[in-house]
Amino acid sequence: MNSKIFWGLVIVVLSLFKFIPEDIMKYIVNYQVVMVLVGVYFLVKKKKHGWIFLGIGVYLYITHYVWEDLPLFIVPLILGLAVMGLGIKEIVDKRQLTKFSNKNTKERKEKVIEAEEEKK
């Protein structure tokens, strides 16, 4: 995107904040949302530390506005479940990949053997 278009959109969005009531504005403009946006920006730029900003921003937002007594052990629990889910997905993907690749290699070997027999 052209930088002039981007900054034009930023100015338009910021000018629209004037029409948003203040009690709604406190949920949109705060340091937690800024941390989430920085995390998303870093993730878009393919930097791994974006997950850190995103996670901390979401945790702080939830503890401040949604669930004030959120225990800290919930964060590693959710993180562990997410990592475990990614590991399971990786195993399933590898099995599907090898399932299809084994068929192709067997078929290729059979075709090579048939071609060699035909030459004889």
C-alpha atoms as a PDB file:
ATOM      1  CA  MET A   1       0.000   0.000   0.000  1.00  0.00           C
ATOM      2  CA  ASN A   2       1.215   3.459  -0.796  1.00  0.00           C
ATOM      3  CA  SER A   3       2.369   5.356   2.303  1.00  0.00           C
ATOM      4  CA  LYS A   4       0.229   8.381   1.409  1.00  0.00           C
ATOM      5  CA  ILE A   5      -2.880   6.208   1.271  1.00  0.00           C
ATOM      6  CA  PHE A   6      -1.969   4.579   4.592  1.00  0.00           C
ATOM      7  CA  TRP A   7      -1.408   7.871   6.407  1.00  0.00           C
ATOM      8  CA  GLY A   8      -4.567   9.300   4.845  1.00  0.00           C
ATOM      9  CA  LEU A   9      -6.539   6.372   6.260  1.00  0.00           C
ATOM     10  CA  VAL A  10      -4.905   6.871   9.658  1.00  0.00           C
ATOM     11  CA  ILE A  11      -5.923  10.532   9.709  1.00  0.00           C
ATOM     12  CA  VAL A  12      -9.497   9.689   8.658  1.00  0.00           C
ATOM     13  CA  VAL A  13      -9.837   7.015  11.347  1.00  0.00           C
ATOM     14  CA  LEU A  14      -8.392   9.313  14.009  1.00  0.00           C
ATOM     15  CA  SER A  15     -10.799  12.065  13.033  1.00  0.00           C
ATOM     16  CA  LEU A  16     -13.729   9.653  13.396  1.00  0.00           C
ATOM     17  CA  PHE A  17     -12.801   9.096  17.053  1.00  0.00           C
ATOM     18  CA  LYS A  18     -14.450  12.456  17.769  1.00  0.00           C
ATOM     19  CA  PHE A  19     -17.872  10.895  17.182  1.00  0.00           C
ATOM     20  CA  ILE A  20     -17.320   7.882  19.462  1.00  0.00           C
ATOM     21  CA  PRO A  21     -18.656   8.317  23.018  1.00  0.00           C
ATOM     22  CA  GLU A  22     -16.073   8.494  25.787  1.00  0.00           C
ATOM     23  CA  ASP A  23     -17.289   5.399  27.631  1.00  0.00           C
ATOM     24  CA  ILE A  24     -16.696   3.337  24.468  1.00  0.00           C
ATOM     25  CA  MET A  25     -13.449   5.153  23.693  1.00  0.00           C
ATOM     26  CA  LYS A  26     -11.797   3.873  26.884  1.00  0.00           C
ATOM     27  CA  TYR A  27     -12.032   0.333  25.486  1.00  0.00           C
ATOM     28  CA  ILE A  28     -10.468   1.315  22.153  1.00  0.00           C
ATOM     29  CA  VAL A  29      -7.688   3.753  23.007  1.00  0.00           C
ATOM     30  CA  ASN A  30      -5.497   2.431  25.802  1.00  0.00           C
ATOM     31  CA  TYR A  31      -2.029   0.989  26.240  1.00  0.00           C
ATOM     32  CA  GLN A  32      -3.282  -2.602  26.047  1.00  0.00           C
ATOM     33  CA  VAL A  33      -4.683  -2.075  22.559  1.00  0.00           C
ATOM     34  CA  VAL A  34      -1.462  -0.354  21.536  1.00  0.00           C
ATOM     35  CA  MET A  35       0.508  -3.436  22.677  1.00  0.00           C
ATOM     36  CA  VAL A  36      -1.836  -5.720  20.726  1.00  0.00           C
ATOM     37  CA  LEU A  37      -1.458  -3.564  17.607  1.00  0.00           C
ATOM     38  CA  VAL A  38       2.343  -3.547  17.960  1.00  0.00           C
ATOM     39  CA  GLY A  39       2.240  -7.333  18.292  1.00  0.00           C
ATOM     40  CA  VAL A  40       0.087  -7.680  15.185  1.00  0.00           C
ATOM     41  CA  TYR A  41       2.420  -5.342  13.292  1.00  0.00           C
ATOM     42  CA  PHE A  42       5.453  -7.446  14.232  1.00  0.00           C
ATOM     43  CA  LEU A  43       3.612 -10.637  13.285  1.00  0.00           C
ATOM     44  CA  VAL A  44       2.757  -9.192   9.889  1.00  0.00           C
ATOM     45  CA  LYS A  45       6.442  -8.334   9.457  1.00  0.00           C
ATOM     46  CA  LYS A  46       7.242 -12.006  10.328  1.00  0.00           C
ATOM     47  CA  LYS A  47       9.043 -11.230  13.582  1.00  0.00           C
ATOM     48  CA  LYS A  48       8.660 -13.779  16.350  1.00  0.00           C
ATOM     49  CA  HIS A  49       8.626 -11.321  19.250  1.00  0.00           C
ATOM     50  CA  GLY A  50       5.267 -10.081  18.010  1.00  0.00           C
ATOM     51  CA  TRP A  51       3.694 -13.006  19.866  1.00  0.00           C
ATOM     52  CA  ILE A  52       5.109 -11.624  23.126  1.00  0.00           C
ATOM     53  CA  PHE A  53       3.559  -8.173  22.615  1.00  0.00           C
ATOM     54  CA  LEU A  54       0.295  -9.705  21.456  1.00  0.00           C
ATOM     55  CA  GLY A  55       0.075 -12.108  24.394  1.00  0.00           C
ATOM     56  CA  ILE A  56       0.912  -9.527  27.032  1.00  0.00           C
ATOM     57  CA  GLY A  57      -1.459  -6.981  25.498  1.00  0.00           C
ATOM     58  CA  VAL A  58      -4.346  -9.450  25.349  1.00  0.00           C
ATOM     59  CA  TYR A  59      -3.678 -10.620  28.921  1.00  0.00           C
ATOM     60  CA  LEU A  60      -3.591  -7.043  30.248  1.00  0.00           C
ATOM     61  CA  TYR A  61      -6.726  -6.100  28.306  1.00  0.00           C
ATOM     62  CA  ILE A  62      -8.637  -9.108  29.606  1.00  0.00           C
ATOM     63  CA  THR A  63      -7.534  -8.555  33.209  1.00  0.00           C
ATOM     64  CA  HIS A  64      -8.445  -4.871  33.075  1.00  0.00           C
ATOM     65  CA  TYR A  65     -11.765  -4.909  31.202  1.00  0.00           C
ATOM     66  CA  VAL A  66     -13.183  -8.434  30.994  1.00  0.00           C
ATOM     67  CA  TRP A  67     -12.093 -10.642  33.902  1.00  0.00           C
ATOM     68  CA  GLU A  68     -10.422  -8.647  36.645  1.00  0.00           C
ATOM     69  CA  ASP A  69      -9.484 -11.607  38.859  1.00  0.00           C
ATOM     70  CA  LEU A  70      -7.852 -13.650  36.099  1.00  0.00           C
ATOM     71  CA  PRO A  71      -5.274 -15.908  37.755  1.00  0.00           C
ATOM     72  CA  LEU A  72      -1.837 -15.919  36.202  1.00  0.00           C
ATOM     73  CA  PHE A  73      -1.729 -19.730  35.846  1.00  0.00           C
ATOM     74  CA  ILE A  74      -4.357 -19.496  33.084  1.00  0.00           C
ATOM     75  CA  VAL A  75      -1.823 -17.961  30.680  1.00  0.00           C
ATOM     76  CA  PRO A  76       0.683 -20.867  30.660  1.00  0.00           C
ATOM     77  CA  LEU A  77      -2.225 -23.309  30.615  1.00  0.00           C
ATOM     78  CA  ILE A  78      -3.645 -21.770  27.435  1.00  0.00           C
ATOM     79  CA  LEU A  79      -0.159 -21.444  25.948  1.00  0.00           C
ATOM     80  CA  GLY A  80       0.573 -25.109  26.679  1.00  0.00           C
ATOM     81  CA  LEU A  81      -2.691 -26.210  25.103  1.00  0.00           C
ATOM     82  CA  ALA A  82      -1.947 -24.128  22.021  1.00  0.00           C
ATOM     83  CA  VAL A  83       1.548 -25.612  21.650  1.00  0.00           C
ATOM     84  CA  MET A  84       0.175 -29.101  22.172  1.00  0.00           C
ATOM     85  CA  GLY A  85      -2.486 -28.482  19.524  1.00  0.00           C
ATOM     86  CA  LEU A  86       0.174 -27.282  17.079  1.00  0.00           C
ATOM     87  CA  GLY A  87       2.231 -30.409  17.774  1.00  0.00           C
ATOM     88  CA  ILE A  88      -0.749 -32.673  17.127  1.00  0.00           C
ATOM     89  CA  LYS A  89      -1.520 -30.797  13.912  1.00  0.00           C
ATOM     90  CA  GLU A  90       2.091 -31.232  12.794  1.00  0.00           C
ATOM     91  CA  ILE A  91       1.968 -34.995  13.427  1.00  0.00           C
ATOM     92  CA  VAL A  92      -1.319 -35.329  11.524  1.00  0.00           C
ATOM     93  CA  ASP A  93       0.078 -33.304   8.611  1.00  0.00           C
ATOM     94  CA  LYS A  94       3.199 -35.498   8.449  1.00  0.00           C
ATOM     95  CA  ARG A  95       1.088 -38.657   8.397  1.00  0.00           C
ATOM     96  CA  GLN A  96      -1.048 -37.352   5.557  1.00  0.00           C
ATOM     97  CA  LEU A  97       2.039 -36.252   3.649  1.00  0.00           C
ATOM     98  CA  THR A  98       3.764 -39.637   4.002  1.00  0.00           C
ATOM     99  CA  LYS A  99       0.534 -41.493   3.176  1.00  0.00           C
ATOM    100  CA  PHE A 100       0.348 -39.848  -0.223  1.00  0.00           C
ATOM    101  CA  SER A 101       4.077 -39.872  -0.917  1.00  0.00           C
ATOM    102  CA  ASN A 102       4.362 -43.648  -0.257  1.00  0.00           C
ATOM    103  CA  LYS A 103       1.718 -44.378  -2.885  1.00  0.00           C
ATOM    104  CA  ASN A 104       3.485 -42.237  -5.433  1.00  0.00           C
ATOM    105  CA  THR A 105       6.895 -43.836  -4.828  1.00  0.00           C
ATOM    106  CA  LYS A 106       5.443 -47.345  -5.081  1.00  0.00           C
ATOM    107  CA  GLU A 107       3.657 -46.488  -8.311  1.00  0.00           C
ATOM    108  CA  ARG A 108       6.815 -44.950  -9.727  1.00  0.00           C
ATOM    109  CA  LYS A 109       8.878 -48.031  -8.862  1.00  0.00           C
ATOM    110  CA  GLU A 110       6.291 -50.266 -10.509  1.00  0.00           C
ATOM    111  CA  LYS A 111       6.281 -48.106 -13.634  1.00  0.00           C
ATOM    112  CA  VAL A 112      10.080 -48.195 -13.812  1.00  0.00           C
ATOM    113  CA  ILE A 113      10.086 -51.987 -13.452  1.00  0.00           C
ATOM    114  CA  GLU A 114       7.407 -52.322 -16.153  1.00  0.00           C
ATOM    115  CA  ALA A 115       9.348 -50.012 -18.465  1.00  0.00           C
ATOM    116  CA  GLU A 116      12.547 -52.021 -17.964  1.00  0.00           C
ATOM    117  CA  GLU A 117      10.708 -55.274 -18.683  1.00  0.00           C
ATOM    118  CA  GLU A 118       9.244 -53.828 -21.859  1.00  0.00           C
ATOM    119  CA  LYS A 119      12.722 -52.829 -23.076  1.00  0.00           C
ATOM    120  CA  LYS A 120      13.959 -56.396 -22.684  1.00  0.00           C
END
